Amino acid sequence: MKKSILLVALFTLAMSAQAQWFDFSQNHYRFGIGINLGHVGKEPHFNDFGLGVSLNAWGVYLDFLSAGPVYKYDNRVASMNDPANLRFFPDSTTTVVNLGYQIPVLPWLRIMPLIGFNVNTSGLTDMATHNVQTSGSDESISVELYHDYNREYTWTYINFGGGLVITPVKYVDIYAVYTSRAIYGGVSFNMGALFDE
């Protein structure tokens, strides 16, 4: 096992021997927009699957990830006269925003320290409220029913951690992030590479 690890380490060093380490000029043409998803929030009663976006401009990294409320688009419908245990569902939301800087270790590998904040709310989704959301054109309209979420409590936390960014090809970044309030990954498209031809 030790020999295998040593061989992998030597191979990695040999492959990157000609690459310049910590070349911050690599960030000059970096401008990427991406999508991320993963686990958000650490409390057991908070939602844990979130979707978000990221922006990377000249090495500065910003992302946003949000989840919930879980029952907002639930198909169940209650009336005003239903007992409270059928009308109101305990629900929650969680949002994470992070800011960081991508440090180029090698041309294909960057690390990024991150700091941000996490906002969690808990409340009740009222199944007796019936709101309609429409989208589409005249030829194909989609209609979606959603319920009101009534926030009761809010908690705010400082969020800190780090990420790892790998660039398998010139135009694509794959990243993984682990912080005190979330763990997620994503893919972004580096539009700055179009101008670095």
C-alpha atoms as a PDB file:
ATOM      1  CA  MET A   1       0.000   0.000   0.000  1.00  0.00           C
ATOM      2  CA  LYS A   2       2.803   2.429   0.886  1.00  0.00           C
ATOM      3  CA  LYS A   3       4.515   1.674  -2.435  1.00  0.00           C
ATOM      4  CA  SER A   4       1.303   2.476  -4.327  1.00  0.00           C
ATOM      5  CA  ILE A   5       0.906   5.809  -2.563  1.00  0.00           C
ATOM      6  CA  LEU A   6       4.552   6.662  -3.217  1.00  0.00           C
ATOM      7  CA  LEU A   7       4.205   5.777  -6.917  1.00  0.00           C
ATOM      8  CA  VAL A   8       1.066   7.942  -7.281  1.00  0.00           C
ATOM      9  CA  ALA A   9       2.805  10.853  -5.524  1.00  0.00           C
ATOM     10  CA  LEU A  10       5.890  10.537  -7.731  1.00  0.00           C
ATOM     11  CA  PHE A  11       3.754  10.326 -10.885  1.00  0.00           C
ATOM     12  CA  THR A  12       1.813  13.454  -9.871  1.00  0.00           C
ATOM     13  CA  LEU A  13       5.014  15.358  -9.167  1.00  0.00           C
ATOM     14  CA  ALA A  14       6.533  14.233 -12.470  1.00  0.00           C
ATOM     15  CA  MET A  15       3.435  15.331 -14.405  1.00  0.00           C
ATOM     16  CA  SER A  16       3.477  18.758 -12.753  1.00  0.00           C
ATOM     17  CA  ALA A  17       7.246  19.248 -12.667  1.00  0.00           C
ATOM     18  CA  GLN A  18       7.142  21.633 -15.614  1.00  0.00           C
ATOM     19  CA  ALA A  19       4.051  23.459 -14.367  1.00  0.00           C
ATOM     20  CA  GLN A  20       4.511  26.660 -12.436  1.00  0.00           C
ATOM     21  CA  TRP A  21       3.163  26.413  -8.879  1.00  0.00           C
ATOM     22  CA  PHE A  22       1.017  29.221  -7.422  1.00  0.00           C
ATOM     23  CA  ASP A  23       0.842  31.218 -10.667  1.00  0.00           C
ATOM     24  CA  PHE A  24      -1.732  33.902  -9.790  1.00  0.00           C
ATOM     25  CA  SER A  25      -1.676  35.245 -13.350  1.00  0.00           C
ATOM     26  CA  GLN A  26      -3.930  32.261 -14.205  1.00  0.00           C
ATOM     27  CA  ASN A  27      -6.804  34.128 -12.535  1.00  0.00           C
ATOM     28  CA  HIS A  28      -6.521  37.016 -15.005  1.00  0.00           C
ATOM     29  CA  TYR A  29      -8.804  35.428 -17.623  1.00  0.00           C
ATOM     30  CA  ARG A  30     -11.086  33.492 -15.284  1.00  0.00           C
ATOM     31  CA  PHE A  31     -14.780  34.350 -15.448  1.00  0.00           C
ATOM     32  CA  GLY A  32     -17.132  31.469 -14.755  1.00  0.00           C
ATOM     33  CA  ILE A  33     -20.792  30.891 -13.966  1.00  0.00           C
ATOM     34  CA  GLY A  34     -21.907  27.591 -12.493  1.00  0.00           C
ATOM     35  CA  ILE A  35     -24.584  25.567 -10.794  1.00  0.00           C
ATOM     36  CA  ASN A  36     -24.174  23.733  -7.489  1.00  0.00           C
ATOM     37  CA  LEU A  37     -26.163  21.365  -5.321  1.00  0.00           C
ATOM     38  CA  GLY A  38     -25.727  19.522  -2.071  1.00  0.00           C
ATOM     39  CA  HIS A  39     -26.435  19.387   1.650  1.00  0.00           C
ATOM     40  CA  VAL A  40     -27.292  22.697   3.339  1.00  0.00           C
ATOM     41  CA  GLY A  41     -27.682  23.317   7.081  1.00  0.00           C
ATOM     42  CA  LYS A  42     -26.551  21.155   9.967  1.00  0.00           C
ATOM     43  CA  GLU A  43     -29.602  21.046  12.228  1.00  0.00           C
ATOM     44  CA  PRO A  44     -31.618  17.815  11.883  1.00  0.00           C
ATOM     45  CA  HIS A  45     -34.931  19.626  11.379  1.00  0.00           C
ATOM     46  CA  PHE A  46     -33.659  21.786   8.510  1.00  0.00           C
ATOM     47  CA  ASN A  47     -33.834  20.905   4.846  1.00  0.00           C
ATOM     48  CA  ASP A  48     -30.735  19.275   3.537  1.00  0.00           C
ATOM     49  CA  PHE A  49     -30.894  19.356  -0.259  1.00  0.00           C
ATOM     50  CA  GLY A  50     -30.208  22.703  -1.852  1.00  0.00           C
ATOM     51  CA  LEU A  51     -29.682  24.142  -5.299  1.00  0.00           C
ATOM     52  CA  GLY A  52     -27.732  27.265  -6.138  1.00  0.00           C
ATOM     53  CA  VAL A  53     -25.429  29.212  -8.415  1.00  0.00           C
ATOM     54  CA  SER A  54     -21.809  30.341  -8.334  1.00  0.00           C
ATOM     55  CA  LEU A  55     -19.782  33.136  -9.887  1.00  0.00           C
ATOM     56  CA  ASN A  56     -16.011  33.242 -10.289  1.00  0.00           C
ATOM     57  CA  ALA A  57     -14.431  36.463 -11.557  1.00  0.00           C
ATOM     58  CA  TRP A  58     -10.634  36.945 -11.652  1.00  0.00           C
ATOM     59  CA  GLY A  59     -10.197  34.507  -8.776  1.00  0.00           C
ATOM     60  CA  VAL A  60     -12.919  35.946  -6.538  1.00  0.00           C
ATOM     61  CA  TYR A  61     -15.553  33.275  -5.879  1.00  0.00           C
ATOM     62  CA  LEU A  62     -19.158  33.892  -4.768  1.00  0.00           C
ATOM     63  CA  ASP A  63     -21.915  31.324  -4.366  1.00  0.00           C
ATOM     64  CA  PHE A  64     -25.477  30.981  -3.153  1.00  0.00           C
ATOM     65  CA  LEU A  65     -27.272  27.778  -2.109  1.00  0.00           C
ATOM     66  CA  SER A  66     -30.835  27.489  -0.814  1.00  0.00           C
ATOM     67  CA  ALA A  67     -33.348  24.815   0.185  1.00  0.00           C
ATOM     68  CA  GLY A  68     -36.987  24.711   1.253  1.00  0.00           C
ATOM     69  CA  PRO A  69     -39.656  25.059   2.277  1.00  0.00           C
ATOM     70  CA  VAL A  70     -40.242  21.362   1.653  1.00  0.00           C
ATOM     71  CA  TYR A  71     -44.068  21.423   1.568  1.00  0.00           C
ATOM     72  CA  LYS A  72     -44.534  24.621  -0.467  1.00  0.00           C
ATOM     73  CA  TYR A  73     -45.398  22.733  -3.677  1.00  0.00           C
ATOM     74  CA  ASP A  74     -47.031  19.739  -1.988  1.00  0.00           C
ATOM     75  CA  ASN A  75     -50.134  18.409  -3.790  1.00  0.00           C
ATOM     76  CA  ARG A  76     -52.068  17.978  -0.552  1.00  0.00           C
ATOM     77  CA  VAL A  77     -54.826  20.521  -0.059  1.00  0.00           C
ATOM     78  CA  ALA A  78     -56.653  21.314   3.182  1.00  0.00           C
ATOM     79  CA  SER A  79     -59.601  23.568   3.924  1.00  0.00           C
ATOM     80  CA  MET A  80     -59.900  26.278   6.554  1.00  0.00           C
ATOM     81  CA  ASN A  81     -62.139  23.971   8.641  1.00  0.00           C
ATOM     82  CA  ASP A  82     -59.638  21.093   8.825  1.00  0.00           C
ATOM     83  CA  PRO A  83     -58.076  20.340  12.201  1.00  0.00           C
ATOM     84  CA  ALA A  84     -54.723  22.088  12.752  1.00  0.00           C
ATOM     85  CA  ASN A  85     -52.745  18.860  12.447  1.00  0.00           C
ATOM     86  CA  LEU A  86     -53.993  18.429   8.850  1.00  0.00           C
ATOM     87  CA  ARG A  87     -53.763  22.065   7.815  1.00  0.00           C
ATOM     88  CA  PHE A  88     -50.328  23.142   9.066  1.00  0.00           C
ATOM     89  CA  PHE A  89     -47.098  21.263   8.354  1.00  0.00           C
ATOM     90  CA  PRO A  90     -43.840  22.053  10.219  1.00  0.00           C
ATOM     91  CA  ASP A  91     -41.411  23.330   7.601  1.00  0.00           C
ATOM     92  CA  SER A  92     -38.096  25.141   7.253  1.00  0.00           C
ATOM     93  CA  THR A  93     -35.731  26.941   4.896  1.00  0.00           C
ATOM     94  CA  THR A  94     -31.976  27.327   4.800  1.00  0.00           C
ATOM     95  CA  THR A  95     -29.722  29.596   2.742  1.00  0.00           C
ATOM     96  CA  VAL A  96     -25.922  29.744   2.480  1.00  0.00           C
ATOM     97  CA  VAL A  97     -23.874  32.524   0.854  1.00  0.00           C
ATOM     98  CA  ASN A  98     -20.071  32.205   0.601  1.00  0.00           C
ATOM     99  CA  LEU A  99     -17.263  34.466  -0.585  1.00  0.00           C
ATOM    100  CA  GLY A 100     -13.712  33.308  -1.229  1.00  0.00           C
ATOM    101  CA  TYR A 101     -10.653  33.447  -3.441  1.00  0.00           C
ATOM    102  CA  GLN A 102      -9.315  30.725  -5.733  1.00  0.00           C
ATOM    103  CA  ILE A 103      -5.598  30.101  -5.169  1.00  0.00           C
ATOM    104  CA  PRO A 104      -4.038  28.393  -8.215  1.00  0.00           C
ATOM    105  CA  VAL A 105      -1.775  25.596  -6.949  1.00  0.00           C
ATOM    106  CA  LEU A 106      -1.259  24.079 -10.407  1.00  0.00           C
ATOM    107  CA  PRO A 107      -2.816  24.995 -13.769  1.00  0.00           C
ATOM    108  CA  TRP A 108      -5.496  22.328 -13.223  1.00  0.00           C
ATOM    109  CA  LEU A 109      -5.893  22.611  -9.426  1.00  0.00           C
ATOM    110  CA  ARG A 110      -7.030  25.473  -7.210  1.00  0.00           C
ATOM    111  CA  ILE A 111      -7.970  25.733  -3.531  1.00  0.00           C
ATOM    112  CA  MET A 112     -10.274  28.353  -2.081  1.00  0.00           C
ATOM    113  CA  PRO A 113     -10.747  29.479   1.504  1.00  0.00           C
ATOM    114  CA  LEU A 114     -14.344  30.592   2.085  1.00  0.00           C
ATOM    115  CA  ILE A 115     -16.298  32.675   4.568  1.00  0.00           C
ATOM    116  CA  GLY A 116     -19.986  33.491   4.541  1.00  0.00           C
ATOM    117  CA  PHE A 117     -23.223  33.165   6.431  1.00  0.00           C
ATOM    118  CA  ASN A 118     -26.105  30.731   6.818  1.00  0.00           C
ATOM    119  CA  VAL A 119     -29.711  31.742   7.550  1.00  0.00           C
ATOM    120  CA  ASN A 120     -32.147  29.084   8.765  1.00  0.00           C
ATOM    121  CA  THR A 121     -35.854  29.567   9.405  1.00  0.00           C
ATOM    122  CA  SER A 122     -38.548  27.331  10.805  1.00  0.00           C
ATOM    123  CA  GLY A 123     -42.294  27.765  10.577  1.00  0.00           C
ATOM    124  CA  LEU A 124     -45.471  26.265   9.206  1.00  0.00           C
ATOM    125  CA  THR A 125     -46.687  25.696   5.664  1.00  0.00           C
ATOM    126  CA  ASP A 126     -50.418  26.372   5.461  1.00  0.00           C
ATOM    127  CA  MET A 127     -52.026  23.704   3.260  1.00  0.00           C
ATOM    128  CA  ALA A 128     -55.288  25.697   3.236  1.00  0.00           C
ATOM    129  CA  THR A 129     -53.739  28.469   1.140  1.00  0.00           C
ATOM    130  CA  HIS A 130     -54.044  27.794  -2.576  1.00  0.00           C
ATOM    131  CA  ASN A 131     -51.870  29.962  -4.792  1.00  0.00           C
ATOM    132  CA  VAL A 132     -51.433  29.394  -8.518  1.00  0.00           C
ATOM    133  CA  GLN A 133     -48.221  29.975 -10.444  1.00  0.00           C
ATOM    134  CA  THR A 134     -48.311  29.880 -14.244  1.00  0.00           C
ATOM    135  CA  SER A 135     -45.467  29.736 -16.739  1.00  0.00           C
ATOM    136  CA  GLY A 136     -45.029  29.139 -20.446  1.00  0.00           C
ATOM    137  CA  SER A 137     -46.545  30.559 -23.611  1.00  0.00           C
ATOM    138  CA  ASP A 138     -50.110  30.692 -24.913  1.00  0.00           C
ATOM    139  CA  GLU A 139     -49.664  27.338 -26.632  1.00  0.00           C
ATOM    140  CA  SER A 140     -48.345  25.476 -23.577  1.00  0.00           C
ATOM    141  CA  ILE A 141     -49.117  26.923 -20.166  1.00  0.00           C
ATOM    142  CA  SER A 142     -48.085  25.027 -17.051  1.00  0.00           C
ATOM    143  CA  VAL A 143     -49.947  25.695 -13.825  1.00  0.00           C
ATOM    144  CA  GLU A 144     -48.498  24.892 -10.412  1.00  0.00           C
ATOM    145  CA  LEU A 145     -50.217  25.065  -7.036  1.00  0.00           C
ATOM    146  CA  TYR A 146     -48.238  26.292  -4.026  1.00  0.00           C
ATOM    147  CA  HIS A 147     -48.922  27.027  -0.364  1.00  0.00           C
ATOM    148  CA  ASP A 148     -47.881  29.872   1.921  1.00  0.00           C
ATOM    149  CA  TYR A 149     -44.949  29.350   4.279  1.00  0.00           C
ATOM    150  CA  ASN A 150     -45.252  31.269   7.561  1.00  0.00           C
ATOM    151  CA  ARG A 151     -41.846  31.828   9.153  1.00  0.00           C
ATOM    152  CA  GLU A 152     -41.778  31.745  12.961  1.00  0.00           C
ATOM    153  CA  TYR A 153     -38.088  31.614  13.936  1.00  0.00           C
ATOM    154  CA  THR A 154     -34.838  32.668  12.273  1.00  0.00           C
ATOM    155  CA  TRP A 155     -31.241  31.681  13.101  1.00  0.00           C
ATOM    156  CA  THR A 156     -28.124  33.173  11.521  1.00  0.00           C
ATOM    157  CA  TYR A 157     -24.667  31.558  11.611  1.00  0.00           C
ATOM    158  CA  ILE A 158     -21.198  32.432  10.365  1.00  0.00           C
ATOM    159  CA  ASN A 159     -20.142  29.923   7.732  1.00  0.00           C
ATOM    160  CA  PHE A 160     -16.499  29.111   6.968  1.00  0.00           C
ATOM    161  CA  GLY A 161     -14.588  26.386   5.189  1.00  0.00           C
ATOM    162  CA  GLY A 162     -12.877  25.662   1.922  1.00  0.00           C
ATOM    163  CA  GLY A 163     -13.154  24.254  -1.537  1.00  0.00           C
ATOM    164  CA  LEU A 164     -11.197  22.379  -4.149  1.00  0.00           C
ATOM    165  CA  VAL A 165     -11.458  23.217  -7.860  1.00  0.00           C
ATOM    166  CA  ILE A 166     -10.286  20.907 -10.638  1.00  0.00           C
ATOM    167  CA  THR A 167     -10.128  21.974 -14.295  1.00  0.00           C
ATOM    168  CA  PRO A 168     -10.241  18.795 -16.422  1.00  0.00           C
ATOM    169  CA  VAL A 169     -10.554  20.837 -19.641  1.00  0.00           C
ATOM    170  CA  LYS A 170      -9.934  24.494 -20.364  1.00  0.00           C
ATOM    171  CA  TYR A 171     -13.571  25.614 -20.265  1.00  0.00           C
ATOM    172  CA  VAL A 172     -14.943  23.556 -17.361  1.00  0.00           C
ATOM    173  CA  ASP A 173     -14.354  23.697 -13.606  1.00  0.00           C
ATOM    174  CA  ILE A 174     -15.543  21.000 -11.223  1.00  0.00           C
ATOM    175  CA  TYR A 175     -15.548  22.008  -7.577  1.00  0.00           C
ATOM    176  CA  ALA A 176     -16.298  20.576  -4.151  1.00  0.00           C
ATOM    177  CA  VAL A 177     -16.986  22.710  -1.078  1.00  0.00           C
ATOM    178  CA  TYR A 178     -17.046  21.781   2.596  1.00  0.00           C
ATOM    179  CA  THR A 179     -17.988  24.395   5.202  1.00  0.00           C
ATOM    180  CA  SER A 180     -19.302  24.444   8.745  1.00  0.00           C
ATOM    181  CA  ARG A 181     -22.900  24.734   7.457  1.00  0.00           C
ATOM    182  CA  ALA A 182     -22.907  22.941   4.080  1.00  0.00           C
ATOM    183  CA  ILE A 183     -21.274  20.377   1.830  1.00  0.00           C
ATOM    184  CA  TYR A 184     -21.872  20.568  -1.898  1.00  0.00           C
ATOM    185  CA  GLY A 185     -20.360  20.437  -5.344  1.00  0.00           C
ATOM    186  CA  GLY A 186     -20.840  22.006  -8.709  1.00  0.00           C
ATOM    187  CA  VAL A 187     -19.782  22.601 -12.278  1.00  0.00           C
ATOM    188  CA  SER A 188     -19.024  25.946 -13.889  1.00  0.00           C
ATOM    189  CA  PHE A 189     -18.216  27.105 -17.395  1.00  0.00           C
ATOM    190  CA  ASN A 190     -15.164  29.369 -17.712  1.00  0.00           C
ATOM    191  CA  MET A 191     -16.210  31.960 -20.288  1.00  0.00           C
ATOM    192  CA  GLY A 192     -12.921  33.805 -19.782  1.00  0.00           C
ATOM    193  CA  ALA A 193     -11.157  30.954 -21.592  1.00  0.00           C
ATOM    194  CA  LEU A 194     -12.844  32.113 -24.806  1.00  0.00           C
ATOM    195  CA  PHE A 195     -10.765  35.295 -24.710  1.00  0.00           C
ATOM    196  CA  ASP A 196      -7.546  33.533 -23.685  1.00  0.00           C
ATOM    197  CA  GLU A 197      -6.939  31.891 -27.055  1.00  0.00           C
END
